[in-house]
Amino acid sequence: MSILAPTPGQMALARMIAQGSTPAKAGITRVAASRYTDPDWFAREQAALFAKLPQVIAPSALLPNPGMAVPHDGFGRPLLLTRDSTGKAHVFHNVCRHRGTRLVEGSDAVCANRLVCPYHAWTYGVDGALIGLPRPETFAGLNKQDYGLKALPSLESGGLIWCSTDDDADFTDALSLGSDFDAFGMRDLFLYNRHVHDVPSNWKLIMDAFMESYHVTRLHAATIGPFFKDGITAADSIGAHQRSAVGRAEDLAELDLGNWPKLRSSVTFAYQLFPATVIVVSPDYVNIMVLMPQSVGRTLVEDFMLIPEEPKTDKARDHWARSWTLLDKGVFAAEDFRAAALGQQGLESGALEELTLGSLETGIRNFHQSIEARITS
């Protein structure tokens, strides 16, 4: 395991937090309520964003070892994540090249060097190659090299697996983010748990919650709110992706900027990866939330919790079980996702024509501007 050190961008945000940074005074901005309720706008988002841009599909920790495969259906098509014998991650269509049958069912990881179609037993390696089929003489002239699984463009960097359905997708920004996540040691973390939430909300209402600190000490007053200083925040961007930092309740004026582990205990970093992934880096664990829009008012959110190592004692197992329950079922499900669902109900009522944003919510306006630029260009 390499020695962890912050990137210049992370240190710049930490310095701003140490100085008691608050957002610059700015005028009120607004977002049209129809952006969350209009089916036509949702369809345009699907075409301009989700069908073209690279997206995080899972953390590398989902496939910790070679010879693993995990089915994934959240983006509306049957996909298969694998890690081959060399350690390389792949994203394939979970579709047999013979008659289109789904190769692997369910959503759990499968440990196998071979993937066998349940229909006619065509057999593939986890690298996607067709390695065998029954009665090959009945397929005279078939070249197995031409019948490997169909791959999607993908990239593994900084402990994240990205993919796109667009053959011309540009992974430059995704690659540049790798050093940030390497600073947290994400590629070496252990996947403690994962859970898919079905949220009756537009996907952007969920993203919005992780782009502002205005709600932290209020919505989360009974859970994590007391750990943070209200309004002590800093943010910047990497391409269309946003990076933010929120000051925790310790004496920020005495932060040791030369001690990365101690600094992380006082500053929580978060990343809003465009278009629809949230990463919250707490002092000793990481939550990754992958948003998968299903309709204008419904979103699947897969929450992954990564921790330093597999719990090996009853004390450790109890600690992480309580942390998982607090975050996945409490902070996210009962607070953030519930607020998004209530917001969706309000917006669909037609009571508001627009949402009003203050200076602690400028990340939301920037996010919507990025969406609109992609759709209208």
Foldseek 3Di string as FASTA:
>chain_A
DDDFDADPVVLVFLVCLLVLHFFDADDKDWDFLVCLPPQVNVVLLCVLFQQAAKFFDWFLQLALAAQKKFWDCLQPFTWIWHAHNVRDIFIFRQAFLPPGARQDDDGHMDRHQWTFRPPFGQIAGSVQFGDDGPPCVVVPPDDSRVGGTHTFDWDHALRTIITHNDPPYDCVLVNVCRSNSVSVVNNQWHWPDKDKDKFQFAQLLLLLVQQFQQCQCPLCVPACNQQFDRRSKDWDARVLKIKMKTFTPPNSNPDDSVDVLSSLQGIWMWIQPPPHWIWIDHSFKIWIWGWHDDGSRIIMIMIIITGHDDDDDPVSVVVVVVVCCCVVVNVVVVGSSVVRNVVRVVSVVVPDRIDMDGSRRVSSVSNVVVSCVSSVD
